[in-house]
Protein backbone atom coordinates (compact mmCIF):
# COMPACT_ATOMS: atom_id res chain seq x y z
CA MET A 1 -2.85 -9.16 -9.34
CA PHE A 2 -0.27 -6.48 -10.00
CA ARG A 3 -0.93 -3.68 -12.64
CA TYR A 4 1.49 -0.94 -12.95
CA LYS A 5 -0.05 2.25 -11.82
CA ALA A 6 1.30 5.03 -14.32
CA GLY A 7 -0.01 8.12 -11.82
CA ILE A 8 2.88 7.00 -9.20
CA ASN A 9 6.27 8.29 -9.81
CA VAL A 10 7.68 4.79 -9.18
CA SER A 11 9.28 2.59 -12.07
CA TYR A 12 7.36 -0.29 -13.01
CA ILE A 13 9.93 -3.01 -11.70
CA ARG A 14 10.06 -0.85 -8.01
CA GLN A 15 6.17 -0.75 -8.18
CA GLY A 16 6.29 -4.68 -8.61
CA TYR A 17 8.92 -5.21 -5.65
CA ILE A 18 6.65 -2.86 -3.07
CA TYR A 19 3.64 -4.91 -4.26
CA PHE A 20 4.83 -8.27 -3.92
CA THR A 21 6.62 -7.67 -0.59
CA SER A 22 3.83 -5.83 0.64
CA LEU A 23 1.39 -8.80 -0.28
CA ARG A 24 3.92 -10.87 1.39
CA TYR A 25 3.46 -9.17 4.86
CA GLY A 26 2.48 -12.20 6.63
CA GLU A 27 5.72 -14.20 5.60
CA LEU A 28 7.84 -11.29 6.65
CA HIS A 29 10.03 -10.73 9.92
CA GLU A 30 8.34 -8.92 12.60
CA ASP A 31 10.61 -6.11 11.78
CA LYS A 32 9.72 -5.35 8.19
CA GLN A 33 6.42 -6.08 9.09
CA ARG A 34 6.32 -2.95 11.69
CA LYS A 35 8.20 -0.68 8.82
CA ILE A 36 5.15 -1.39 6.76
CA ARG A 37 2.40 -0.38 9.51
CA GLN A 38 4.23 2.55 10.28
CA LEU A 39 4.20 3.50 6.77
CA CYS A 40 0.70 2.61 6.25
CA HIS A 41 0.03 5.02 9.78
CA GLU A 42 2.21 7.67 8.08
CA CYS A 43 0.84 7.76 4.80
CA GLY A 44 -2.58 7.11 5.34
CA GLY A 45 -3.31 8.84 8.72
CA GLN A 46 -7.10 8.34 9.49
CA HIS A 47 -7.14 5.62 6.75
CA SER A 48 -4.34 3.60 7.65
CA LYS A 49 -6.51 0.63 8.07
CA ALA A 50 -7.80 0.98 4.27
CA LEU A 51 -4.13 1.51 3.27
CA PHE A 52 -2.90 -1.44 5.14
CA GLU A 53 -5.55 -3.90 3.73
CA ALA A 54 -4.89 -2.61 0.42
CA VAL A 55 -1.44 -3.09 0.26
CA THR A 56 -1.38 -6.39 2.31
CA THR A 57 -4.21 -8.19 0.33
CA GLU A 58 -5.68 -8.53 -3.00
CA THR A 59 -9.23 -7.14 -2.03
CA PRO A 60 -10.61 -4.99 -4.87
CA VAL A 61 -10.30 -1.09 -4.48
CA ASP A 62 -13.99 -0.80 -4.50
CA LEU A 63 -15.00 -3.10 -1.71
CA ILE A 64 -11.80 -1.41 0.58
CA CYS A 65 -13.37 2.03 -0.40
CA ASP A 66 -16.80 1.15 0.55
CA LYS A 67 -15.72 -0.96 3.75
CA HIS A 68 -13.82 2.04 4.89
CA TYR A 69 -16.00 4.74 3.49
CA ILE A 70 -13.25 6.78 1.50
CA SER A 71 -13.33 8.00 -1.75
CA LYS A 72 -11.55 6.70 -4.68
CA SER A 73 -9.28 9.44 -5.26
CA THR A 74 -8.34 9.42 -1.23
CA TYR A 75 -7.29 6.02 -2.06
CA ASN A 76 -5.37 6.72 -4.61
CA LYS A 77 -3.71 9.81 -2.76
CA ILE A 78 -2.37 7.59 -0.04
CA LEU A 79 -1.48 4.40 -1.74
CA ARG A 80 0.61 6.53 -4.19
CA GLU A 81 2.31 8.36 -1.01
CA TYR A 82 3.20 4.64 0.16
CA TYR A 83 4.63 3.49 -3.22
CA GLU A 84 6.50 6.52 -3.13
CA LYS A 85 7.92 6.98 0.57
CA PHE A 86 8.49 3.15 0.40
CA PRO A 87 11.80 2.53 1.44
CA LEU A 88 14.73 1.12 -0.95
CA LYS A 89 15.32 -1.63 1.13
CA LEU A 90 12.73 -2.96 3.75
């Protein structure tokens, strides 16, 4: 479920666009999928799989952190970077 993240320096409307675009990953053209994967790799680094799962599924944060052995602060940091670096036009 989409919720505005006040700690991310991106507007409500832009966050909604990023959230729903990323969630539709499986429906996107291969080029757009590649851009999302690259952005996850760039922002997530060694935690790119956790970031990819976070932005392309509705899996709860706690489960992602436990599954990928990352702290919530690390999760929030890489998610913020993903949202702030997401291209204006995918």
